C-alpha atoms as a PDB file:
ATOM      1  CA  MET A   1       6.029 -13.666 -32.299  1.00  0.00           C
ATOM      2  CA  LEU A   2       5.940 -10.073 -32.803  1.00  0.00           C
ATOM      3  CA  LEU A   3       4.868  -9.707 -29.418  1.00  0.00           C
ATOM      4  CA  LEU A   4       7.435 -11.749 -28.038  1.00  0.00           C
ATOM      5  CA  LEU A   5      10.070  -9.638 -29.968  1.00  0.00           C
ATOM      6  CA  MET A   6       8.852  -6.556 -28.608  1.00  0.00           C
ATOM      7  CA  ILE A   7       8.979  -7.962 -25.013  1.00  0.00           C
ATOM      8  CA  LEU A   8      12.583  -8.846 -25.439  1.00  0.00           C
ATOM      9  CA  ALA A   9      13.616  -5.479 -27.193  1.00  0.00           C
ATOM     10  CA  LEU A  10      12.020  -3.776 -24.179  1.00  0.00           C
ATOM     11  CA  LEU A  11      14.054  -5.900 -21.403  1.00  0.00           C
ATOM     12  CA  THR A  12      17.245  -5.285 -23.585  1.00  0.00           C
ATOM     13  CA  GLY A  13      16.728  -1.543 -23.639  1.00  0.00           C
ATOM     14  CA  CYS A  14      16.408  -1.340 -19.787  1.00  0.00           C
ATOM     15  CA  GLY A  15      19.406  -3.632 -19.032  1.00  0.00           C
ATOM     16  CA  GLY A  16      21.779  -2.295 -16.556  1.00  0.00           C
ATOM     17  CA  SER A  17      21.532  -0.414 -13.534  1.00  0.00           C
ATOM     18  CA  PRO A  18      19.999   3.201 -13.379  1.00  0.00           C
ATOM     19  CA  GLY A  19      23.590   4.518 -12.451  1.00  0.00           C
ATOM     20  CA  ASP A  20      25.007   2.972 -15.680  1.00  0.00           C
ATOM     21  CA  ALA A  21      22.595   4.196 -17.992  1.00  0.00           C
ATOM     22  CA  PRO A  22      24.036   7.076 -20.341  1.00  0.00           C
ATOM     23  CA  GLY A  23      23.641  10.503 -19.105  1.00  0.00           C
ATOM     24  CA  ASN A  24      22.969   9.443 -15.893  1.00  0.00           C
ATOM     25  CA  SER A  25      26.448   9.555 -14.182  1.00  0.00           C
ATOM     26  CA  LEU A  26      27.193  12.496 -11.731  1.00  0.00           C
ATOM     27  CA  ARG A  27      28.815  15.148 -13.576  1.00  0.00           C
ATOM     28  CA  ILE A  28      31.609  16.872 -11.403  1.00  0.00           C
ATOM     29  CA  ALA A  29      33.160  20.042 -12.584  1.00  0.00           C
ATOM     30  CA  VAL A  30      36.682  20.305 -11.171  1.00  0.00           C
ATOM     31  CA  ILE A  31      37.788  24.022 -11.644  1.00  0.00           C
ATOM     32  CA  PRO A  32      41.681  24.726 -10.830  1.00  0.00           C
ATOM     33  CA  LYS A  33      43.282  28.141 -10.317  1.00  0.00           C
ATOM     34  CA  GLY A  34      45.331  27.530 -13.644  1.00  0.00           C
ATOM     35  CA  THR A  35      46.211  24.580 -15.692  1.00  0.00           C
ATOM     36  CA  THR A  36      49.632  25.580 -16.799  1.00  0.00           C
ATOM     37  CA  HIS A  37      51.746  24.633 -13.601  1.00  0.00           C
ATOM     38  CA  ASP A  38      52.933  21.318 -12.673  1.00  0.00           C
ATOM     39  CA  PHE A  39      50.797  21.483  -9.476  1.00  0.00           C
ATOM     40  CA  TRP A  40      47.586  21.516 -11.445  1.00  0.00           C
ATOM     41  CA  LYS A  41      48.478  18.524 -13.345  1.00  0.00           C
ATOM     42  CA  MET A  42      48.972  16.837 -10.242  1.00  0.00           C
ATOM     43  CA  VAL A  43      45.702  17.939  -8.959  1.00  0.00           C
ATOM     44  CA  HIS A  44      44.371  16.661 -12.298  1.00  0.00           C
ATOM     45  CA  ALA A  45      45.432  13.365 -11.687  1.00  0.00           C
ATOM     46  CA  GLY A  46      44.029  13.399  -8.365  1.00  0.00           C
ATOM     47  CA  ALA A  47      40.642  14.104  -9.602  1.00  0.00           C
ATOM     48  CA  ILE A  48      40.825  11.318 -12.071  1.00  0.00           C
ATOM     49  CA  LYS A  49      42.000   8.835  -9.401  1.00  0.00           C
ATOM     50  CA  ALA A  50      38.823   9.467  -7.495  1.00  0.00           C
ATOM     51  CA  GLU A  51      36.844   9.078 -10.757  1.00  0.00           C
ATOM     52  CA  ARG A  52      37.982   5.762 -11.538  1.00  0.00           C
ATOM     53  CA  GLU A  53      38.143   4.503  -8.131  1.00  0.00           C
ATOM     54  CA  ILE A  54      34.401   5.665  -7.673  1.00  0.00           C
ATOM     55  CA  ASN A  55      33.433   4.066 -10.913  1.00  0.00           C
ATOM     56  CA  SER A  56      35.308   0.556 -10.272  1.00  0.00           C
ATOM     57  CA  SER A  57      33.143   0.332  -6.808  1.00  0.00           C
ATOM     58  CA  GLY A  58      29.793  -0.351  -8.291  1.00  0.00           C
ATOM     59  CA  ALA A  59      28.431   2.841  -6.798  1.00  0.00           C
ATOM     60  CA  ARG A  60      26.745   5.550  -9.129  1.00  0.00           C
ATOM     61  CA  LYS A  61      28.985   6.360 -11.809  1.00  0.00           C
ATOM     62  CA  VAL A  62      30.986  10.028 -11.850  1.00  0.00           C
ATOM     63  CA  LYS A  63      32.266  11.960 -14.806  1.00  0.00           C
ATOM     64  CA  ILE A  64      34.941  14.401 -13.957  1.00  0.00           C
ATOM     65  CA  ILE A  65      34.740  17.730 -16.179  1.00  0.00           C
ATOM     66  CA  TRP A  66      38.339  19.372 -15.836  1.00  0.00           C
ATOM     67  CA  LYS A  67      38.243  23.005 -16.927  1.00  0.00           C
ATOM     68  CA  GLY A  68      40.130  26.130 -15.705  1.00  0.00           C
ATOM     69  CA  PRO A  69      41.796  29.381 -16.716  1.00  0.00           C
ATOM     70  CA  LEU A  70      45.313  28.964 -18.382  1.00  0.00           C
ATOM     71  CA  LYS A  71      46.761  31.502 -16.254  1.00  0.00           C
ATOM     72  CA  GLU A  72      46.420  31.982 -12.615  1.00  0.00           C
ATOM     73  CA  ASP A  73      45.240  35.632 -12.797  1.00  0.00           C
ATOM     74  CA  ASN A  74      42.125  35.523 -14.856  1.00  0.00           C
ATOM     75  CA  THR A  75      39.410  35.605 -11.996  1.00  0.00           C
ATOM     76  CA  GLU A  76      36.858  36.691 -14.175  1.00  0.00           C
ATOM     77  CA  GLN A  77      37.033  33.431 -16.329  1.00  0.00           C
ATOM     78  CA  GLN A  78      37.025  31.217 -13.126  1.00  0.00           C
ATOM     79  CA  ILE A  79      33.776  33.025 -11.938  1.00  0.00           C
ATOM     80  CA  ASN A  80      32.340  32.689 -15.438  1.00  0.00           C
ATOM     81  CA  LEU A  81      33.156  29.043 -15.244  1.00  0.00           C
ATOM     82  CA  VAL A  82      31.402  28.484 -12.043  1.00  0.00           C
ATOM     83  CA  ARG A  83      28.261  30.215 -13.313  1.00  0.00           C
ATOM     84  CA  THR A  84      28.501  28.337 -16.759  1.00  0.00           C
ATOM     85  CA  PHE A  85      28.484  24.798 -14.648  1.00  0.00           C
ATOM     86  CA  VAL A  86      25.750  25.934 -12.621  1.00  0.00           C
ATOM     87  CA  SER A  87      23.583  26.807 -15.709  1.00  0.00           C
ATOM     88  CA  ARG A  88      24.369  23.336 -17.075  1.00  0.00           C
ATOM     89  CA  LYS A  89      23.345  21.869 -13.825  1.00  0.00           C
ATOM     90  CA  VAL A  90      26.154  19.529 -13.164  1.00  0.00           C
ATOM     91  CA  ASP A  91      25.709  17.562  -9.799  1.00  0.00           C
ATOM     92  CA  GLY A  92      28.685  18.937  -8.045  1.00  0.00           C
ATOM     93  CA  ILE A  93      31.820  21.676  -8.135  1.00  0.00           C
ATOM     94  CA  VAL A  94      35.179  21.265  -6.843  1.00  0.00           C
ATOM     95  CA  LEU A  95      36.836  24.633  -6.896  1.00  0.00           C
ATOM     96  CA  ALA A  96      40.239  26.122  -6.152  1.00  0.00           C
ATOM     97  CA  PRO A  97      39.229  29.838  -5.767  1.00  0.00           C
ATOM     98  CA  LEU A  98      41.706  32.465  -7.414  1.00  0.00           C
ATOM     99  CA  ASP A  99      40.328  34.955  -5.278  1.00  0.00           C
ATOM    100  CA  LYS A 100      39.136  34.770  -1.897  1.00  0.00           C
ATOM    101  CA  THR A 101      36.485  37.280  -2.244  1.00  0.00           C
ATOM    102  CA  ALA A 102      35.731  37.607  -5.949  1.00  0.00           C
ATOM    103  CA  LEU A 103      34.444  33.904  -6.077  1.00  0.00           C
ATOM    104  CA  VAL A 104      31.988  34.326  -2.953  1.00  0.00           C
ATOM    105  CA  ARG A 105      29.069  35.558  -4.897  1.00  0.00           C
ATOM    106  CA  PRO A 106      29.208  32.594  -7.698  1.00  0.00           C
ATOM    107  CA  VAL A 107      29.668  29.955  -5.229  1.00  0.00           C
ATOM    108  CA  ARG A 108      26.745  31.285  -2.897  1.00  0.00           C
ATOM    109  CA  GLU A 109      24.590  31.318  -6.462  1.00  0.00           C
ATOM    110  CA  ALA A 110      25.938  27.658  -6.771  1.00  0.00           C
ATOM    111  CA  ALA A 111      24.377  26.904  -3.540  1.00  0.00           C
ATOM    112  CA  GLY A 112      21.111  28.638  -4.281  1.00  0.00           C
ATOM    113  CA  ASN A 113      20.617  26.336  -7.321  1.00  0.00           C
ATOM    114  CA  LYS A 114      21.257  23.353  -5.295  1.00  0.00           C
ATOM    115  CA  VAL A 115      24.657  22.634  -6.833  1.00  0.00           C
ATOM    116  CA  PRO A 116      26.859  21.551  -4.139  1.00  0.00           C
ATOM    117  CA  VAL A 117      30.679  22.906  -3.856  1.00  0.00           C
ATOM    118  CA  VAL A 118      33.799  21.801  -2.305  1.00  0.00           C
ATOM    119  CA  ILE A 119      36.501  24.434  -1.862  1.00  0.00           C
ATOM    120  CA  PHE A 120      39.939  23.088  -2.196  1.00  0.00           C
ATOM    121  CA  ASP A 121      43.589  24.427  -2.096  1.00  0.00           C
ATOM    122  CA  SER A 122      42.800  28.093  -1.491  1.00  0.00           C
ATOM    123  CA  GLY A 123      40.169  29.345   0.918  1.00  0.00           C
ATOM    124  CA  LEU A 124      37.071  31.447   0.667  1.00  0.00           C
ATOM    125  CA  ASP A 125      35.546  34.257   2.796  1.00  0.00           C
ATOM    126  CA  ALA A 126      32.016  32.190   2.906  1.00  0.00           C
ATOM    127  CA  GLU A 127      30.297  29.929   5.380  1.00  0.00           C
ATOM    128  CA  VAL A 128      31.240  26.458   5.308  1.00  0.00           C
ATOM    129  CA  GLY A 129      28.417  24.268   5.510  1.00  0.00           C
ATOM    130  CA  LYS A 130      26.030  26.825   4.089  1.00  0.00           C
ATOM    131  CA  ASP A 131      28.152  28.423   1.074  1.00  0.00           C
ATOM    132  CA  PHE A 132      30.095  25.385   0.471  1.00  0.00           C
ATOM    133  CA  ALA A 133      30.252  21.812   1.717  1.00  0.00           C
ATOM    134  CA  THR A 134      34.026  21.668   3.142  1.00  0.00           C
ATOM    135  CA  TYR A 135      37.788  22.654   2.860  1.00  0.00           C
ATOM    136  CA  VAL A 136      40.103  20.490   1.264  1.00  0.00           C
ATOM    137  CA  ALA A 137      43.711  21.799   1.666  1.00  0.00           C
ATOM    138  CA  THR A 138      47.122  21.903   2.992  1.00  0.00           C
ATOM    139  CA  ASP A 139      47.599  23.838   6.297  1.00  0.00           C
ATOM    140  CA  ASN A 140      49.118  26.622   4.635  1.00  0.00           C
ATOM    141  CA  TYR A 141      50.071  28.544   7.306  1.00  0.00           C
ATOM    142  CA  ARG A 142      51.967  25.598   8.345  1.00  0.00           C
ATOM    143  CA  GLY A 143      53.717  25.532   5.336  1.00  0.00           C
ATOM    144  CA  GLY A 144      54.812  29.127   5.639  1.00  0.00           C
ATOM    145  CA  VAL A 145      56.219  28.078   9.381  1.00  0.00           C
ATOM    146  CA  LEU A 146      58.161  25.022   7.784  1.00  0.00           C
ATOM    147  CA  GLY A 147      59.770  27.462   5.172  1.00  0.00           C
ATOM    148  CA  ALA A 148      60.670  29.742   7.874  1.00  0.00           C
ATOM    149  CA  LYS A 149      62.407  27.169   9.928  1.00  0.00           C
ATOM    150  CA  ARG A 150      64.401  25.728   7.378  1.00  0.00           C
ATOM    151  CA  LEU A 151      65.492  29.148   6.053  1.00  0.00           C
ATOM    152  CA  GLY A 152      66.334  30.211   9.404  1.00  0.00           C
ATOM    153  CA  GLU A 153      68.116  26.998  10.042  1.00  0.00           C
ATOM    154  CA  LEU A 154      69.924  27.429   6.853  1.00  0.00           C
ATOM    155  CA  LEU A 155      71.082  30.864   7.809  1.00  0.00           C
ATOM    156  CA  GLY A 156      72.121  29.902  11.358  1.00  0.00           C
ATOM    157  CA  GLY A 157      69.577  32.440  12.779  1.00  0.00           C
ATOM    158  CA  LYS A 158      71.359  35.310  11.095  1.00  0.00           C
ATOM    159  CA  GLY A 159      71.693  37.576   8.241  1.00  0.00           C
ATOM    160  CA  LYS A 160      69.281  39.309   5.849  1.00  0.00           C
ATOM    161  CA  ALA A 161      66.166  37.541   3.986  1.00  0.00           C
ATOM    162  CA  ILE A 162      63.653  38.442   1.400  1.00  0.00           C
ATOM    163  CA  LEU A 163      60.150  37.238   0.931  1.00  0.00           C
ATOM    164  CA  LEU A 164      58.950  37.409  -2.853  1.00  0.00           C
ATOM    165  CA  ARG A 165      55.031  37.341  -2.434  1.00  0.00           C
ATOM    166  CA  TYR A 166      52.962  35.807  -4.894  1.00  0.00           C
ATOM    167  CA  GLN A 167      49.818  37.747  -5.847  1.00  0.00           C
ATOM    168  CA  VAL A 168      46.978  39.878  -4.216  1.00  0.00           C
ATOM    169  CA  GLY A 169      43.701  37.656  -3.314  1.00  0.00           C
ATOM    170  CA  SER A 170      45.168  34.198  -3.401  1.00  0.00           C
ATOM    171  CA  GLU A 171      44.305  32.991   0.132  1.00  0.00           C
ATOM    172  CA  SER A 172      46.834  30.049   0.195  1.00  0.00           C
ATOM    173  CA  THR A 173      49.768  31.945  -0.419  1.00  0.00           C
ATOM    174  CA  MET A 174      48.634  34.682   1.960  1.00  0.00           C
ATOM    175  CA  GLN A 175      48.771  32.163   4.641  1.00  0.00           C
ATOM    176  CA  ARG A 176      52.007  30.813   3.704  1.00  0.00           C
ATOM    177  CA  GLU A 177      53.383  34.288   3.747  1.00  0.00           C
ATOM    178  CA  ASN A 178      51.971  35.045   7.012  1.00  0.00           C
ATOM    179  CA  GLY A 179      53.200  31.799   8.496  1.00  0.00           C
ATOM    180  CA  PHE A 180      56.749  32.337   7.043  1.00  0.00           C
ATOM    181  CA  LEU A 181      56.744  36.127   8.410  1.00  0.00           C
ATOM    182  CA  ASP A 182      55.426  35.372  11.856  1.00  0.00           C
ATOM    183  CA  THR A 183      58.007  32.631  12.482  1.00  0.00           C
ATOM    184  CA  MET A 184      60.896  34.705  11.592  1.00  0.00           C
ATOM    185  CA  LYS A 185      59.821  37.308  13.874  1.00  0.00           C
ATOM    186  CA  LYS A 186      59.223  34.937  16.762  1.00  0.00           C
ATOM    187  CA  GLU A 187      61.945  32.442  16.388  1.00  0.00           C
ATOM    188  CA  PHE A 188      64.789  34.492  14.181  1.00  0.00           C
ATOM    189  CA  PRO A 189      64.654  37.877  15.476  1.00  0.00           C
ATOM    190  CA  ASP A 190      68.419  38.267  14.456  1.00  0.00           C
ATOM    191  CA  ILE A 191      67.497  37.578  10.616  1.00  0.00           C
ATOM    192  CA  LYS A 192      66.455  41.232   9.127  1.00  0.00           C
ATOM    193  CA  MET A 193      63.648  40.959   6.223  1.00  0.00           C
ATOM    194  CA  ILE A 194      64.855  43.454   3.911  1.00  0.00           C
ATOM    195  CA  SER A 195      61.938  43.055   1.542  1.00  0.00           C
ATOM    196  CA  THR A 196      58.514  41.575   2.096  1.00  0.00           C
ATOM    197  CA  ASP A 197      56.299  44.007   0.095  1.00  0.00           C
ATOM    198  CA  GLN A 198      56.843  42.942  -3.657  1.00  0.00           C
ATOM    199  CA  ARG A 199      54.628  40.393  -5.890  1.00  0.00           C
ATOM    200  CA  ALA A 200      55.882  37.918  -8.038  1.00  0.00           C
ATOM    201  CA  GLY A 201      52.628  37.993  -9.977  1.00  0.00           C
ATOM    202  CA  ALA A 202      50.907  34.814 -11.688  1.00  0.00           C
ATOM    203  CA  THR A 203      53.645  33.551 -13.961  1.00  0.00           C
ATOM    204  CA  GLU A 204      57.203  32.620 -13.900  1.00  0.00           C
ATOM    205  CA  GLU A 205      58.128  35.134 -16.379  1.00  0.00           C
ATOM    206  CA  GLN A 206      56.581  37.803 -14.363  1.00  0.00           C
ATOM    207  CA  ALA A 207      58.263  36.167 -11.267  1.00  0.00           C
ATOM    208  CA  TYR A 208      61.691  36.188 -13.068  1.00  0.00           C
ATOM    209  CA  GLN A 209      61.413  39.799 -13.644  1.00  0.00           C
ATOM    210  CA  LYS A 210      60.605  40.940 -10.197  1.00  0.00           C
ATOM    211  CA  SER A 211      63.193  38.657  -8.961  1.00  0.00           C
ATOM    212  CA  GLN A 212      65.791  40.313 -11.076  1.00  0.00           C
ATOM    213  CA  ASN A 213      64.926  43.673  -9.687  1.00  0.00           C
ATOM    214  CA  LEU A 214      65.121  42.421  -6.127  1.00  0.00           C
ATOM    215  CA  LEU A 215      68.685  40.888  -6.779  1.00  0.00           C
ATOM    216  CA  THR A 216      69.925  43.982  -8.480  1.00  0.00           C
ATOM    217  CA  ARG A 217      68.865  45.978  -5.484  1.00  0.00           C
ATOM    218  CA  PHE A 218      69.881  43.774  -2.666  1.00  0.00           C
ATOM    219  CA  LYS A 219      72.393  41.270  -4.357  1.00  0.00           C
ATOM    220  CA  ASP A 220      75.179  42.688  -1.959  1.00  0.00           C
ATOM    221  CA  GLU A 221      73.109  42.419   1.148  1.00  0.00           C
ATOM    222  CA  VAL A 222      70.546  39.174   0.676  1.00  0.00           C
ATOM    223  CA  ASN A 223      71.630  35.830   2.209  1.00  0.00           C
ATOM    224  CA  GLY A 224      68.121  33.952   2.214  1.00  0.00           C
ATOM    225  CA  ILE A 225      65.191  33.829   0.085  1.00  0.00           C
ATOM    226  CA  PHE A 226      61.718  32.456   0.577  1.00  0.00           C
ATOM    227  CA  CYS A 227      59.019  32.108  -2.306  1.00  0.00           C
ATOM    228  CA  PRO A 228      55.488  30.825  -1.614  1.00  0.00           C
ATOM    229  CA  ASN A 229      54.288  29.185  -4.650  1.00  0.00           C
ATOM    230  CA  GLU A 230      55.883  27.153  -7.738  1.00  0.00           C
ATOM    231  CA  SER A 231      55.636  30.212 -10.437  1.00  0.00           C
ATOM    232  CA  SER A 232      57.516  32.540  -7.951  1.00  0.00           C
ATOM    233  CA  ALA A 233      59.959  29.840  -7.019  1.00  0.00           C
ATOM    234  CA  ALA A 234      60.859  29.288 -10.653  1.00  0.00           C
ATOM    235  CA  GLY A 235      61.179  32.989 -11.641  1.00  0.00           C
ATOM    236  CA  MET A 236      63.474  33.585  -8.332  1.00  0.00           C
ATOM    237  CA  LEU A 237      65.454  30.536  -9.608  1.00  0.00           C
ATOM    238  CA  GLY A 238      66.270  31.712 -13.009  1.00  0.00           C
ATOM    239  CA  ALA A 239      67.128  35.370 -11.820  1.00  0.00           C
ATOM    240  CA  LEU A 240      69.414  33.533  -8.984  1.00  0.00           C
ATOM    241  CA  ARG A 241      71.279  31.755 -11.621  1.00  0.00           C
ATOM    242  CA  GLN A 242      71.406  34.724 -14.133  1.00  0.00           C
ATOM    243  CA  ALA A 243      73.058  36.802 -11.248  1.00  0.00           C
ATOM    244  CA  LYS A 244      75.282  33.800 -10.524  1.00  0.00           C
ATOM    245  CA  LEU A 245      73.951  33.848  -6.809  1.00  0.00           C
ATOM    246  CA  ASN A 246      72.559  30.327  -7.130  1.00  0.00           C
ATOM    247  CA  GLY A 247      74.012  28.027  -4.266  1.00  0.00           C
ATOM    248  CA  LYS A 248      75.305  31.048  -2.640  1.00  0.00           C
ATOM    249  CA  VAL A 249      71.919  32.777  -1.472  1.00  0.00           C
ATOM    250  CA  LYS A 250      70.072  30.165   0.708  1.00  0.00           C
ATOM    251  CA  PHE A 251      66.749  29.523  -1.027  1.00  0.00           C
ATOM    252  CA  VAL A 252      63.471  27.801   0.079  1.00  0.00           C
ATOM    253  CA  GLY A 253      60.653  27.758  -2.338  1.00  0.00           C
ATOM    254  CA  PHE A 254      56.984  26.165  -2.288  1.00  0.00           C
ATOM    255  CA  ASP A 255      55.671  23.051  -4.385  1.00  0.00           C
ATOM    256  CA  ALA A 256      57.410  20.805  -6.882  1.00  0.00           C
ATOM    257  CA  SER A 257      58.091  20.832 -10.597  1.00  0.00           C
ATOM    258  CA  GLU A 258      60.750  18.914 -12.320  1.00  0.00           C
ATOM    259  CA  LYS A 259      62.772  22.048 -12.799  1.00  0.00           C
ATOM    260  CA  LEU A 260      62.582  22.779  -8.924  1.00  0.00           C
ATOM    261  CA  VAL A 261      63.276  19.297  -8.022  1.00  0.00           C
ATOM    262  CA  GLN A 262      66.553  19.184 -10.260  1.00  0.00           C
ATOM    263  CA  ALA A 263      67.374  22.636  -8.754  1.00  0.00           C
ATOM    264  CA  LEU A 264      67.014  21.084  -5.341  1.00  0.00           C
ATOM    265  CA  SER A 265      69.448  17.959  -6.204  1.00  0.00           C
ATOM    266  CA  LYS A 266      71.762  20.420  -7.545  1.00  0.00           C
ATOM    267  CA  GLY A 267      71.934  22.541  -4.586  1.00  0.00           C
ATOM    268  CA  ASP A 268      70.542  25.605  -6.180  1.00  0.00           C
ATOM    269  CA  ILE A 269      67.422  25.398  -3.887  1.00  0.00           C
ATOM    270  CA  ASP A 270      67.955  24.704  -0.159  1.00  0.00           C
ATOM    271  CA  GLY A 271      64.363  23.336   0.441  1.00  0.00           C
ATOM    272  CA  LEU A 272      61.020  22.916  -0.960  1.00  0.00           C
ATOM    273  CA  VAL A 273      57.776  22.867   1.176  1.00  0.00           C
ATOM    274  CA  LEU A 274      55.590  20.378  -0.508  1.00  0.00           C
ATOM    275  CA  GLN A 275      51.969  19.857  -0.592  1.00  0.00           C
ATOM    276  CA  ASN A 276      50.085  16.688  -1.499  1.00  0.00           C
ATOM    277  CA  PRO A 277      47.932  17.950  -4.529  1.00  0.00           C
ATOM    278  CA  ILE A 278      46.948  14.289  -5.672  1.00  0.00           C
ATOM    279  CA  ASN A 279      45.573  13.550  -2.594  1.00  0.00           C
ATOM    280  CA  MET A 280      43.851  16.961  -2.225  1.00  0.00           C
ATOM    281  CA  ALA A 281      41.901  16.735  -5.466  1.00  0.00           C
ATOM    282  CA  TYR A 282      41.308  12.919  -4.835  1.00  0.00           C
ATOM    283  CA  LEU A 283      39.753  14.015  -1.360  1.00  0.00           C
ATOM    284  CA  ALA A 284      37.612  16.904  -2.910  1.00  0.00           C
ATOM    285  CA  VAL A 285      36.116  14.724  -5.401  1.00  0.00           C
ATOM    286  CA  LYS A 286      35.181  11.983  -3.023  1.00  0.00           C
ATOM    287  CA  SER A 287      34.014  14.766  -0.918  1.00  0.00           C
ATOM    288  CA  VAL A 288      31.399  16.382  -3.296  1.00  0.00           C
ATOM    289  CA  VAL A 289      30.255  12.884  -4.116  1.00  0.00           C
ATOM    290  CA  LYS A 290      29.451  12.293  -0.411  1.00  0.00           C
ATOM    291  CA  GLN A 291      27.998  15.261   0.207  1.00  0.00           C
ATOM    292  CA  ILE A 292      25.584  14.657  -3.024  1.00  0.00           C
ATOM    293  CA  ASN A 293      24.887  11.317  -1.620  1.00  0.00           C
ATOM    294  CA  GLY A 294      23.887  12.671   1.717  1.00  0.00           C
ATOM    295  CA  GLY A 295      26.938  11.941   3.726  1.00  0.00           C
ATOM    296  CA  LYS A 296      28.324  14.014   6.619  1.00  0.00           C
ATOM    297  CA  LEU A 297      31.588  16.128   6.023  1.00  0.00           C
ATOM    298  CA  ASP A 298      34.036  17.699   8.366  1.00  0.00           C
ATOM    299  CA  PRO A 299      34.405  21.354   7.904  1.00  0.00           C
ATOM    300  CA  TYR A 300      38.178  21.046   6.931  1.00  0.00           C
ATOM    301  CA  VAL A 301      40.102  18.186   5.592  1.00  0.00           C
ATOM    302  CA  ASP A 302      43.977  18.998   6.283  1.00  0.00           C
ATOM    303  CA  THR A 303      45.871  16.943   3.393  1.00  0.00           C
ATOM    304  CA  GLY A 304      49.674  17.596   4.976  1.00  0.00           C
ATOM    305  CA  VAL A 305      52.538  19.338   4.088  1.00  0.00           C
ATOM    306  CA  GLN A 306      56.492  18.548   4.418  1.00  0.00           C
ATOM    307  CA  VAL A 307      59.905  20.041   3.573  1.00  0.00           C
ATOM    308  CA  ALA A 308      61.949  18.249   0.961  1.00  0.00           C
ATOM    309  CA  THR A 309      65.783  18.888   1.248  1.00  0.00           C
ATOM    310  CA  PRO A 310      68.880  17.713  -0.738  1.00  0.00           C
ATOM    311  CA  GLU A 311      69.422  15.057   1.957  1.00  0.00           C
ATOM    312  CA  ASN A 312      65.762  13.501   2.082  1.00  0.00           C
ATOM    313  CA  MET A 313      64.515  14.127  -1.279  1.00  0.00           C
ATOM    314  CA  ASN A 314      65.293  10.620  -2.790  1.00  0.00           C
ATOM    315  CA  THR A 315      63.391   8.954  -0.122  1.00  0.00           C
ATOM    316  CA  GLN A 316      60.217   7.021  -1.293  1.00  0.00           C
ATOM    317  CA  GLU A 317      58.034   9.080   0.509  1.00  0.00           C
ATOM    318  CA  MET A 318      59.389  12.483  -0.786  1.00  0.00           C
ATOM    319  CA  LYS A 319      59.495  11.392  -4.455  1.00  0.00           C
ATOM    320  CA  GLU A 320      55.711  10.489  -4.323  1.00  0.00           C
ATOM    321  CA  LEU A 321      55.320  14.121  -3.301  1.00  0.00           C
ATOM    322  CA  HIS A 322      57.767  16.010  -5.755  1.00  0.00           C
ATOM    323  CA  SER A 323      57.914  13.431  -8.686  1.00  0.00           C
ATOM    324  CA  PRO A 324      54.794  11.085  -8.748  1.00  0.00           C
ATOM    325  CA  ASP A 325      54.050   9.103 -11.787  1.00  0.00           C
ATOM    326  CA  LEU A 326      51.275  11.028 -13.316  1.00  0.00           C
ATOM    327  CA  SER A 327      51.180   8.585 -16.478  1.00  0.00           C
ATOM    328  CA  LYS A 328      48.707   6.445 -14.735  1.00  0.00           C
ATOM    329  CA  TRP A 329      46.116   8.902 -14.794  1.00  0.00           C
ATOM    330  CA  LEU A 330      47.090  11.620 -17.495  1.00  0.00           C
ATOM    331  CA  ASP A 331      47.760  11.107 -21.012  1.00  0.00           C
ATOM    332  CA  LYS A 332      51.703  12.181 -21.958  1.00  0.00           C
END
């Protein structure tokens, strides 16, 4: 009887597949640029969406570890996070690099330690297929092109415009700025760019101060403005309202938040270039798991970009981009 009980206990203890055993899930670290802006909340939702889909599929289970800097200017913290996760021997890393060069070494260290990395949202000056597995992102240059087309059309191809840049080192916004400037020069030669060298900084508060300075200097000249990310657009929106120029100066921003979407509906913003951050993170997590499992990845995955306007913003397609229901994935 004692022998029988011992055998039954052993069988019970070995129940379930190896993938379901405690501690045997694939641990995937997802490291965003920041955790404050609404964009990153959508990214978090996309990562959890991928986790739940994989875990309900019968495949080896996945555990997402979400950790990033509070603000989008703490490159040193992001570097330390990558190295910490490598030392903790996670199974994979999904990273949105704050700086396209500063994150190269830690990503190469991860590769050297057999920890696959998928880069998403913003590019890295490293070799895809060797230093990292794939790049999952918006075609950011095209996003800048679309922003220029929208602003150029709003201005009727004439006038004076401002580009408020984001910050040095951010590859994604640099591509947007380049796409914007190239298109303005090529397609709208009669629109004069009166300021293109000012940077908003990492926060909405910094962007607000820089925007106030620009509007103080150019308020009697400027006809149109483009901002290449959520925080720069939100800061400029506040400055335009403070200067009572909202609705008078044509304004195109990038990304969505509740504040920006409301401003679009009121006519204080004339266009928002929209990414698909939920799909971006979802595909990035799925990609790193595929890499771990020996699958073949394309070097680049384009997650799409569109322009929301006051006229089309209430279509179902646009609502899913600018105001998705995150309660399905994130706690309120």
